[in-house]
């Protein structure tokens, strides 16, 4: 058994939140995630779920998800926004 600080140090978790602040920390994380492209978010969720599905091939799911996400208008918008040093305007397309 290890404590939360050790898990953070080892890279097993990406944040440690004080007791009682879990909901506000989760909302802050969700707010940050919501700034990303909706299609990409959906494909990440699909890929993570495939990891836990013993009947699915997680690697192939991830490869397919990347291909779908990379072919969207949102992907092109994200790349253009990065090059132009501006915030992207994702449409979920």
PDB file of N, CA and C in Angstrom:
ATOM      1  N   UNK A   1       0.844  -1.187   0.000  1.00  0.00           N
ATOM      2  CA  UNK A   1       0.000   0.000   0.000  1.00  0.00           C
ATOM      3  C   UNK A   1       0.881   1.240   0.000  1.00  0.00           C
ATOM      4  N   UNK A   2       0.477   2.234  -0.777  1.00  0.00           N
ATOM      5  CA  UNK A   2       1.182   3.516  -0.791  1.00  0.00           C
ATOM      6  C   UNK A   2       0.159   4.627  -0.566  1.00  0.00           C
ATOM      7  N   UNK A   3       0.637   5.755  -0.078  1.00  0.00           N
ATOM      8  CA  UNK A   3      -0.291   6.868   0.141  1.00  0.00           C
ATOM      9  C   UNK A   3      -0.407   7.697  -1.139  1.00  0.00           C
ATOM     10  N   UNK A   4      -1.288   8.677  -1.108  1.00  0.00           N
ATOM     11  CA  UNK A   4      -1.571   9.491  -2.278  1.00  0.00           C
ATOM     12  C   UNK A   4      -0.343  10.254  -2.763  1.00  0.00           C
ATOM     13  N   UNK A   5       0.446  10.798  -1.861  1.00  0.00           N
ATOM     14  CA  UNK A   5       1.632  11.550  -2.262  1.00  0.00           C
ATOM     15  C   UNK A   5       2.649  10.663  -2.974  1.00  0.00           C
ATOM     16  N   UNK A   6       2.796   9.438  -2.512  1.00  0.00           N
ATOM     17  CA  UNK A   6       3.707   8.500  -3.167  1.00  0.00           C
ATOM     18  C   UNK A   6       3.179   8.118  -4.549  1.00  0.00           C
ATOM     19  N   UNK A   7       1.864   7.930  -4.660  1.00  0.00           N
ATOM     20  CA  UNK A   7       1.265   7.623  -5.960  1.00  0.00           C
ATOM     21  C   UNK A   7       1.504   8.776  -6.933  1.00  0.00           C
ATOM     22  N   UNK A   8       1.416  10.006  -6.447  1.00  0.00           N
ATOM     23  CA  UNK A   8       1.685  11.173  -7.276  1.00  0.00           C
ATOM     24  C   UNK A   8       3.148  11.198  -7.704  1.00  0.00           C
ATOM     25  N   UNK A   9       4.042  10.969  -6.757  1.00  0.00           N
ATOM     26  CA  UNK A   9       5.476  10.966  -7.052  1.00  0.00           C
ATOM     27  C   UNK A   9       5.831   9.912  -8.087  1.00  0.00           C
ATOM     28  N   UNK A  10       5.179   8.761  -8.030  1.00  0.00           N
ATOM     29  CA  UNK A  10       5.447   7.664  -8.959  1.00  0.00           C
ATOM     30  C   UNK A  10       4.753   7.843 -10.311  1.00  0.00           C
ATOM     31  N   UNK A  11       3.893   8.844 -10.417  1.00  0.00           N
ATOM     32  CA  UNK A  11       3.174   9.070 -11.665  1.00  0.00           C
ATOM     33  C   UNK A  11       1.963   8.178 -11.852  1.00  0.00           C
ATOM     34  N   UNK A  12       1.507   7.564 -10.766  1.00  0.00           N
ATOM     35  CA  UNK A  12       0.330   6.703 -10.854  1.00  0.00           C
ATOM     36  C   UNK A  12      -0.960   7.515 -10.880  1.00  0.00           C
ATOM     37  N   UNK A  13      -0.905   8.721 -10.365  1.00  0.00           N
ATOM     38  CA  UNK A  13      -2.025   9.653 -10.405  1.00  0.00           C
ATOM     39  C   UNK A  13      -1.489  10.998 -10.882  1.00  0.00           C
ATOM     40  N   UNK A  14      -2.355  11.837 -11.423  1.00  0.00           N
ATOM     41  CA  UNK A  14      -1.886  13.136 -11.908  1.00  0.00           C
ATOM     42  C   UNK A  14      -2.250  14.287 -10.992  1.00  0.00           C
ATOM     43  N   UNK A  15      -2.961  13.997  -9.919  1.00  0.00           N
ATOM     44  CA  UNK A  15      -3.314  15.037  -8.955  1.00  0.00           C
ATOM     45  C   UNK A  15      -3.714  14.396  -7.635  1.00  0.00           C
ATOM     46  N   UNK A  16      -3.462  15.131  -6.564  1.00  0.00           N
ATOM     47  CA  UNK A  16      -3.923  14.728  -5.239  1.00  0.00           C
ATOM     48  C   UNK A  16      -4.731  15.900  -4.702  1.00  0.00           C
ATOM     49  N   UNK A  17      -5.938  15.610  -4.272  1.00  0.00           N
ATOM     50  CA  UNK A  17      -6.859  16.649  -3.819  1.00  0.00           C
ATOM     51  C   UNK A  17      -7.145  16.475  -2.332  1.00  0.00           C
ATOM     52  N   UNK A  18      -7.105  17.560  -1.579  1.00  0.00           N
ATOM     53  CA  UNK A  18      -7.428  17.462  -0.153  1.00  0.00           C
ATOM     54  C   UNK A  18      -8.860  16.959   0.069  1.00  0.00           C
ATOM     55  N   UNK A  19      -9.062  16.251   1.135  1.00  0.00           N
ATOM     56  CA  UNK A  19     -10.388  15.741   1.478  1.00  0.00           C
ATOM     57  C   UNK A  19     -11.378  16.904   1.528  1.00  0.00           C
ATOM     58  N   UNK A  20     -12.532  16.683   0.936  1.00  0.00           N
ATOM     59  CA  UNK A  20     -13.567  17.693   0.909  1.00  0.00           C
ATOM     60  C   UNK A  20     -13.529  18.591  -0.316  1.00  0.00           C
ATOM     61  N   UNK A  21     -12.442  18.514  -1.086  1.00  0.00           N
ATOM     62  CA  UNK A  21     -12.322  19.352  -2.286  1.00  0.00           C
ATOM     63  C   UNK A  21     -12.422  18.543  -3.583  1.00  0.00           C
ATOM     64  N   UNK A  22     -12.853  17.290  -3.459  1.00  0.00           N
ATOM     65  CA  UNK A  22     -12.884  16.402  -4.611  1.00  0.00           C
ATOM     66  C   UNK A  22     -13.824  16.896  -5.709  1.00  0.00           C
ATOM     67  N   UNK A  23     -15.005  17.342  -5.323  1.00  0.00           N
ATOM     68  CA  UNK A  23     -15.995  17.775  -6.317  1.00  0.00           C
ATOM     69  C   UNK A  23     -15.512  19.013  -7.061  1.00  0.00           C
ATOM     70  N   UNK A  24     -14.990  19.988  -6.344  1.00  0.00           N
ATOM     71  CA  UNK A  24     -14.521  21.202  -7.026  1.00  0.00           C
ATOM     72  C   UNK A  24     -13.318  20.891  -7.915  1.00  0.00           C
ATOM     73  N   UNK A  25     -12.453  19.996  -7.485  1.00  0.00           N
ATOM     74  CA  UNK A  25     -11.306  19.603  -8.313  1.00  0.00           C
ATOM     75  C   UNK A  25     -11.782  18.863  -9.564  1.00  0.00           C
ATOM     76  N   UNK A  26     -12.768  17.986  -9.411  1.00  0.00           N
ATOM     77  CA  UNK A  26     -13.309  17.256 -10.565  1.00  0.00           C
ATOM     78  C   UNK A  26     -13.976  18.214 -11.542  1.00  0.00           C
ATOM     79  N   UNK A  27     -14.711  19.188 -11.024  1.00  0.00           N
ATOM     80  CA  UNK A  27     -15.352  20.171 -11.901  1.00  0.00           C
ATOM     81  C   UNK A  27     -14.312  20.990 -12.659  1.00  0.00           C
ATOM     82  N   UNK A  28     -13.226  21.355 -11.999  1.00  0.00           N
ATOM     83  CA  UNK A  28     -12.156  22.112 -12.663  1.00  0.00           C
ATOM     84  C   UNK A  28     -11.525  21.272 -13.771  1.00  0.00           C
ATOM     85  N   UNK A  29     -11.326  19.978 -13.503  1.00  0.00           N
ATOM     86  CA  UNK A  29     -10.741  19.092 -14.505  1.00  0.00           C
ATOM     87  C   UNK A  29     -11.700  18.940 -15.693  1.00  0.00           C
ATOM     88  N   UNK A  30     -12.987  18.785 -15.407  1.00  0.00           N
ATOM     89  CA  UNK A  30     -13.976  18.657 -16.481  1.00  0.00           C
ATOM     90  C   UNK A  30     -14.072  19.932 -17.307  1.00  0.00           C
ATOM     91  N   UNK A  31     -13.941  21.078 -16.652  1.00  0.00           N
ATOM     92  CA  UNK A  31     -13.967  22.353 -17.372  1.00  0.00           C
ATOM     93  C   UNK A  31     -12.804  22.430 -18.367  1.00  0.00           C
ATOM     94  N   UNK A  32     -11.646  21.948 -17.942  1.00  0.00           N
ATOM     95  CA  UNK A  32     -10.478  21.942 -18.831  1.00  0.00           C
ATOM     96  C   UNK A  32     -10.683  20.960 -19.985  1.00  0.00           C
ATOM     97  N   UNK A  33     -11.204  19.774 -19.686  1.00  0.00           N
ATOM     98  CA  UNK A  33     -11.462  18.772 -20.724  1.00  0.00           C
ATOM     99  C   UNK A  33     -12.466  19.309 -21.737  1.00  0.00           C
ATOM    100  N   UNK A  34     -13.466  20.050 -21.264  1.00  0.00           N
ATOM    101  CA  UNK A  34     -14.520  20.568 -22.141  1.00  0.00           C
ATOM    102  C   UNK A  34     -14.005  21.584 -23.153  1.00  0.00           C
ATOM    103  N   UNK A  35     -12.787  22.082 -22.980  1.00  0.00           N
ATOM    104  CA  UNK A  35     -12.219  23.013 -23.962  1.00  0.00           C
ATOM    105  C   UNK A  35     -11.661  22.272 -25.175  1.00  0.00           C
ATOM    106  N   UNK A  36     -11.629  20.964 -25.100  1.00  0.00           N
ATOM    107  CA  UNK A  36     -11.084  20.153 -26.196  1.00  0.00           C
ATOM    108  C   UNK A  36     -12.205  19.788 -27.171  1.00  0.00           C
ATOM    109  N   UNK A  37     -11.837  19.256 -28.307  1.00  0.00           N
ATOM    110  CA  UNK A  37     -12.818  18.895 -29.324  1.00  0.00           C
ATOM    111  C   UNK A  37     -13.748  17.789 -28.863  1.00  0.00           C
ATOM    112  N   UNK A  38     -15.056  17.965 -29.065  1.00  0.00           N
ATOM    113  CA  UNK A  38     -16.028  16.955 -28.625  1.00  0.00           C
ATOM    114  C   UNK A  38     -15.797  15.573 -29.234  1.00  0.00           C
ATOM    115  N   UNK A  39     -15.424  15.516 -30.505  1.00  0.00           N
ATOM    116  CA  UNK A  39     -15.180  14.218 -31.140  1.00  0.00           C
ATOM    117  C   UNK A  39     -13.974  13.545 -30.482  1.00  0.00           C
ATOM    118  N   UNK A  40     -12.925  14.317 -30.237  1.00  0.00           N
ATOM    119  CA  UNK A  40     -11.728  13.762 -29.599  1.00  0.00           C
ATOM    120  C   UNK A  40     -12.049  13.247 -28.199  1.00  0.00           C
ATOM    121  N   UNK A  41     -12.837  14.006 -27.445  1.00  0.00           N
ATOM    122  CA  UNK A  41     -13.221  13.581 -26.098  1.00  0.00           C
ATOM    123  C   UNK A  41     -13.978  12.255 -26.173  1.00  0.00           C
ATOM    124  N   UNK A  42     -14.926  12.174 -27.087  1.00  0.00           N
ATOM    125  CA  UNK A  42     -15.714  10.940 -27.229  1.00  0.00           C
ATOM    126  C   UNK A  42     -14.824   9.755 -27.595  1.00  0.00           C
ATOM    127  N   UNK A  43     -13.852   9.979 -28.469  1.00  0.00           N
ATOM    128  CA  UNK A  43     -12.971   8.887 -28.886  1.00  0.00           C
ATOM    129  C   UNK A  43     -12.032   8.463 -27.757  1.00  0.00           C
ATOM    130  N   UNK A  44     -11.610   9.396 -26.934  1.00  0.00           N
ATOM    131  CA  UNK A  44     -10.795   9.032 -25.768  1.00  0.00           C
ATOM    132  C   UNK A  44     -11.620   8.154 -24.823  1.00  0.00           C
ATOM    133  N   UNK A  45     -12.852   8.562 -24.561  1.00  0.00           N
ATOM    134  CA  UNK A  45     -13.723   7.772 -23.679  1.00  0.00           C
ATOM    135  C   UNK A  45     -13.936   6.379 -24.263  1.00  0.00           C
ATOM    136  N   UNK A  46     -14.179   6.309 -25.570  1.00  0.00           N
ATOM    137  CA  UNK A  46     -14.358   5.017 -26.248  1.00  0.00           C
ATOM    138  C   UNK A  46     -13.114   4.142 -26.082  1.00  0.00           C
ATOM    139  N   UNK A  47     -11.945   4.739 -26.243  1.00  0.00           N
ATOM    140  CA  UNK A  47     -10.694   3.987 -26.134  1.00  0.00           C
ATOM    141  C   UNK A  47     -10.454   3.498 -24.707  1.00  0.00           C
ATOM    142  N   UNK A  48     -10.713   4.344 -23.734  1.00  0.00           N
ATOM    143  CA  UNK A  48     -10.545   3.944 -22.332  1.00  0.00           C
ATOM    144  C   UNK A  48     -11.509   2.814 -21.992  1.00  0.00           C
ATOM    145  N   UNK A  49     -12.749   2.931 -22.443  1.00  0.00           N
ATOM    146  CA  UNK A  49     -13.723   1.875 -22.174  1.00  0.00           C
ATOM    147  C   UNK A  49     -13.305   0.556 -22.828  1.00  0.00           C
ATOM    148  N   UNK A  50     -12.689   0.620 -24.001  1.00  0.00           N
ATOM    149  CA  UNK A  50     -12.247  -0.600 -24.687  1.00  0.00           C
ATOM    150  C   UNK A  50     -11.176  -1.321 -23.875  1.00  0.00           C
ATOM    151  N   UNK A  51     -10.372  -0.559 -23.140  1.00  0.00           N
ATOM    152  CA  UNK A  51      -9.344  -1.170 -22.299  1.00  0.00           C
ATOM    153  C   UNK A  51      -9.974  -2.120 -21.277  1.00  0.00           C
ATOM    154  N   UNK A  52     -11.126  -1.731 -20.748  1.00  0.00           N
ATOM    155  CA  UNK A  52     -11.785  -2.527 -19.711  1.00  0.00           C
ATOM    156  C   UNK A  52     -12.716  -3.600 -20.281  1.00  0.00           C
ATOM    157  N   UNK A  53     -12.924  -3.589 -21.583  1.00  0.00           N
ATOM    158  CA  UNK A  53     -13.798  -4.558 -22.243  1.00  0.00           C
ATOM    159  C   UNK A  53     -12.947  -5.724 -22.740  1.00  0.00           C
ATOM    160  N   UNK A  54     -13.075  -6.865 -22.095  1.00  0.00           N
ATOM    161  CA  UNK A  54     -12.232  -8.014 -22.448  1.00  0.00           C
ATOM    162  C   UNK A  54     -12.545  -8.555 -23.845  1.00  0.00           C
ATOM    163  N   UNK A  55     -13.693  -8.185 -24.411  1.00  0.00           N
ATOM    164  CA  UNK A  55     -14.021  -8.667 -25.759  1.00  0.00           C
ATOM    165  C   UNK A  55     -13.542  -7.692 -26.847  1.00  0.00           C
ATOM    166  N   UNK A  56     -12.968  -6.572 -26.440  1.00  0.00           N
ATOM    167  CA  UNK A  56     -12.509  -5.568 -27.412  1.00  0.00           C
ATOM    168  C   UNK A  56     -10.985  -5.577 -27.503  1.00  0.00           C
ATOM    169  N   UNK A  57     -10.483  -5.150 -28.641  1.00  0.00           N
ATOM    170  CA  UNK A  57      -9.050  -4.965 -28.825  1.00  0.00           C
ATOM    171  C   UNK A  57      -8.778  -3.482 -28.597  1.00  0.00           C
ATOM    172  N   UNK A  58      -8.284  -3.147 -27.422  1.00  0.00           N
ATOM    173  CA  UNK A  58      -8.060  -1.757 -27.050  1.00  0.00           C
ATOM    174  C   UNK A  58      -7.139  -1.022 -27.993  1.00  0.00           C
ATOM    175  N   UNK A  59      -6.087  -1.701 -28.468  1.00  0.00           N
ATOM    176  CA  UNK A  59      -5.146  -1.060 -29.377  1.00  0.00           C
ATOM    177  C   UNK A  59      -5.825  -0.703 -30.694  1.00  0.00           C
ATOM    178  N   UNK A  60      -6.555  -1.639 -31.269  1.00  0.00           N
ATOM    179  CA  UNK A  60      -7.241  -1.355 -32.529  1.00  0.00           C
ATOM    180  C   UNK A  60      -8.314  -0.287 -32.347  1.00  0.00           C
ATOM    181  N   UNK A  61      -8.976  -0.307 -31.211  1.00  0.00           N
ATOM    182  CA  UNK A  61      -9.972   0.730 -30.923  1.00  0.00           C
ATOM    183  C   UNK A  61      -9.311   2.098 -30.901  1.00  0.00           C
ATOM    184  N   UNK A  62      -8.155   2.188 -30.255  1.00  0.00           N
ATOM    185  CA  UNK A  62      -7.442   3.461 -30.174  1.00  0.00           C
ATOM    186  C   UNK A  62      -6.950   3.913 -31.549  1.00  0.00           C
ATOM    187  N   UNK A  63      -6.420   2.997 -32.336  1.00  0.00           N
ATOM    188  CA  UNK A  63      -5.945   3.334 -33.678  1.00  0.00           C
ATOM    189  C   UNK A  63      -7.103   3.862 -34.524  1.00  0.00           C
ATOM    190  N   UNK A  64      -8.219   3.177 -34.473  1.00  0.00           N
ATOM    191  CA  UNK A  64      -9.404   3.599 -35.231  1.00  0.00           C
ATOM    192  C   UNK A  64      -9.893   4.961 -34.728  1.00  0.00           C
ATOM    193  N   UNK A  65      -9.942   5.131 -33.424  1.00  0.00           N
ATOM    194  CA  UNK A  65     -10.407   6.395 -32.837  1.00  0.00           C
ATOM    195  C   UNK A  65      -9.524   7.556 -33.279  1.00  0.00           C
ATOM    196  N   UNK A  66      -8.219   7.336 -33.315  1.00  0.00           N
ATOM    197  CA  UNK A  66      -7.311   8.386 -33.763  1.00  0.00           C
ATOM    198  C   UNK A  66      -7.584   8.741 -35.215  1.00  0.00           C
ATOM    199  N   UNK A  67      -7.767   7.721 -36.045  1.00  0.00           N
ATOM    200  CA  UNK A  67      -8.057   7.965 -37.458  1.00  0.00           C
ATOM    201  C   UNK A  67      -9.326   8.778 -37.646  1.00  0.00           C
ATOM    202  N   UNK A  68     -10.353   8.446 -36.891  1.00  0.00           N
ATOM    203  CA  UNK A  68     -11.613   9.197 -36.978  1.00  0.00           C
ATOM    204  C   UNK A  68     -11.400  10.630 -36.515  1.00  0.00           C
ATOM    205  N   UNK A  69     -10.785  10.794 -35.358  1.00  0.00           N
ATOM    206  CA  UNK A  69     -10.582  12.139 -34.803  1.00  0.00           C
ATOM    207  C   UNK A  69      -9.693  12.987 -35.713  1.00  0.00           C
ATOM    208  N   UNK A  70      -8.678  12.388 -36.300  1.00  0.00           N
ATOM    209  CA  UNK A  70      -7.737  13.127 -37.146  1.00  0.00           C
ATOM    210  C   UNK A  70      -8.342  13.530 -38.482  1.00  0.00           C
ATOM    211  N   UNK A  71      -9.486  12.975 -38.822  1.00  0.00           N
ATOM    212  CA  UNK A  71     -10.110  13.309 -40.104  1.00  0.00           C
ATOM    213  C   UNK A  71     -11.237  14.333 -39.950  1.00  0.00           C
ATOM    214  N   UNK A  72     -11.381  14.906 -38.773  1.00  0.00           N
ATOM    215  CA  UNK A  72     -12.480  15.839 -38.527  1.00  0.00           C
ATOM    216  C   UNK A  72     -12.082  17.287 -38.800  1.00  0.00           C
ATOM    217  N   UNK A  73     -13.091  18.112 -38.961  1.00  0.00           N
ATOM    218  CA  UNK A  73     -12.861  19.553 -39.090  1.00  0.00           C
ATOM    219  C   UNK A  73     -12.263  20.102 -37.799  1.00  0.00           C
ATOM    220  N   UNK A  74     -12.693  19.543 -36.670  1.00  0.00           N
ATOM    221  CA  UNK A  74     -12.146  19.992 -35.383  1.00  0.00           C
ATOM    222  C   UNK A  74     -10.639  19.764 -35.314  1.00  0.00           C
ATOM    223  N   UNK A  75     -10.161  18.657 -35.869  1.00  0.00           N
ATOM    224  CA  UNK A  75      -8.724  18.388 -35.874  1.00  0.00           C
ATOM    225  C   UNK A  75      -8.000  19.481 -36.658  1.00  0.00           C
ATOM    226  N   UNK A  76      -8.529  19.786 -37.831  1.00  0.00           N
ATOM    227  CA  UNK A  76      -7.912  20.838 -38.651  1.00  0.00           C
ATOM    228  C   UNK A  76      -7.982  22.191 -37.942  1.00  0.00           C
ATOM    229  N   UNK A  77      -9.103  22.464 -37.282  1.00  0.00           N
ATOM    230  CA  UNK A  77      -9.241  23.712 -36.531  1.00  0.00           C
ATOM    231  C   UNK A  77      -8.234  23.766 -35.391  1.00  0.00           C
ATOM    232  N   UNK A  78      -8.056  22.668 -34.681  1.00  0.00           N
ATOM    233  CA  UNK A  78      -7.090  22.624 -33.588  1.00  0.00           C
ATOM    234  C   UNK A  78      -5.674  22.849 -34.068  1.00  0.00           C
ATOM    235  N   UNK A  79      -5.317  22.229 -35.178  1.00  0.00           N
ATOM    236  CA  UNK A  79      -3.976  22.404 -35.730  1.00  0.00           C
ATOM    237  C   UNK A  79      -3.766  23.850 -36.194  1.00  0.00           C
ATOM    238  N   UNK A  80      -4.774  24.412 -36.857  1.00  0.00           N
ATOM    239  CA  UNK A  80      -4.667  25.799 -37.319  1.00  0.00           C
ATOM    240  C   UNK A  80      -4.565  26.753 -36.134  1.00  0.00           C
ATOM    241  N   UNK A  81      -5.364  26.527 -35.118  1.00  0.00           N
ATOM    242  CA  UNK A  81      -5.327  27.393 -33.929  1.00  0.00           C
ATOM    243  C   UNK A  81      -3.958  27.326 -33.259  1.00  0.00           C
ATOM    244  N   UNK A  82      -3.377  26.143 -33.208  1.00  0.00           N
ATOM    245  CA  UNK A  82      -2.050  25.982 -32.614  1.00  0.00           C
ATOM    246  C   UNK A  82      -1.015  26.788 -33.392  1.00  0.00           C
ATOM    247  N   UNK A  83      -1.024  26.642 -34.699  1.00  0.00           N
ATOM    248  CA  UNK A  83      -0.063  27.354 -35.546  1.00  0.00           C
ATOM    249  C   UNK A  83      -0.267  28.868 -35.436  1.00  0.00           C
ATOM    250  N   UNK A  84      -1.537  29.277 -35.381  1.00  0.00           N
ATOM    251  CA  UNK A  84      -1.856  30.703 -35.321  1.00  0.00           C
ATOM    252  C   UNK A  84      -1.827  31.266 -33.896  1.00  0.00           C
ATOM    253  N   UNK A  85      -1.502  30.403 -32.935  1.00  0.00           N
ATOM    254  CA  UNK A  85      -1.395  30.799 -31.524  1.00  0.00           C
ATOM    255  C   UNK A  85      -2.665  31.479 -31.015  1.00  0.00           C
ATOM    256  N   UNK A  86      -3.789  30.768 -31.234  1.00  0.00           N
ATOM    257  CA  UNK A  86      -5.078  31.243 -30.756  1.00  0.00           C
ATOM    258  C   UNK A  86      -5.855  30.072 -30.185  1.00  0.00           C
ATOM    259  N   UNK A  87      -6.932  30.370 -29.484  1.00  0.00           N
ATOM    260  CA  UNK A  87      -7.778  29.303 -28.946  1.00  0.00           C
ATOM    261  C   UNK A  87      -8.616  28.719 -30.078  1.00  0.00           C
ATOM    262  N   UNK A  88      -8.762  27.395 -30.110  1.00  0.00           N
ATOM    263  CA  UNK A  88      -9.570  26.779 -31.155  1.00  0.00           C
ATOM    264  C   UNK A  88     -11.070  26.988 -30.911  1.00  0.00           C
ATOM    265  N   UNK A  89     -11.829  26.948 -31.981  1.00  0.00           N
ATOM    266  CA  UNK A  89     -13.279  27.048 -31.906  1.00  0.00           C
ATOM    267  C   UNK A  89     -13.844  25.736 -32.416  1.00  0.00           C
ATOM    268  N   UNK A  90     -13.941  24.753 -31.532  1.00  0.00           N
ATOM    269  CA  UNK A  90     -14.403  23.430 -31.922  1.00  0.00           C
ATOM    270  C   UNK A  90     -15.917  23.423 -32.104  1.00  0.00           C
ATOM    271  N   UNK A  91     -16.352  22.718 -33.136  1.00  0.00           N
ATOM    272  CA  UNK A  91     -17.781  22.629 -33.471  1.00  0.00           C
ATOM    273  C   UNK A  91     -18.351  21.225 -33.293  1.00  0.00           C
ATOM    274  N   UNK A  92     -17.490  20.257 -32.985  1.00  0.00           N
ATOM    275  CA  UNK A  92     -17.962  18.883 -32.873  1.00  0.00           C
ATOM    276  C   UNK A  92     -18.154  18.226 -34.226  1.00  0.00           C
ATOM    277  N   UNK A  93     -17.386  18.698 -35.197  1.00  0.00           N
ATOM    278  CA  UNK A  93     -17.505  18.162 -36.563  1.00  0.00           C
ATOM    279  C   UNK A  93     -16.204  17.515 -36.987  1.00  0.00           C
TER     280      UNK A  93
END
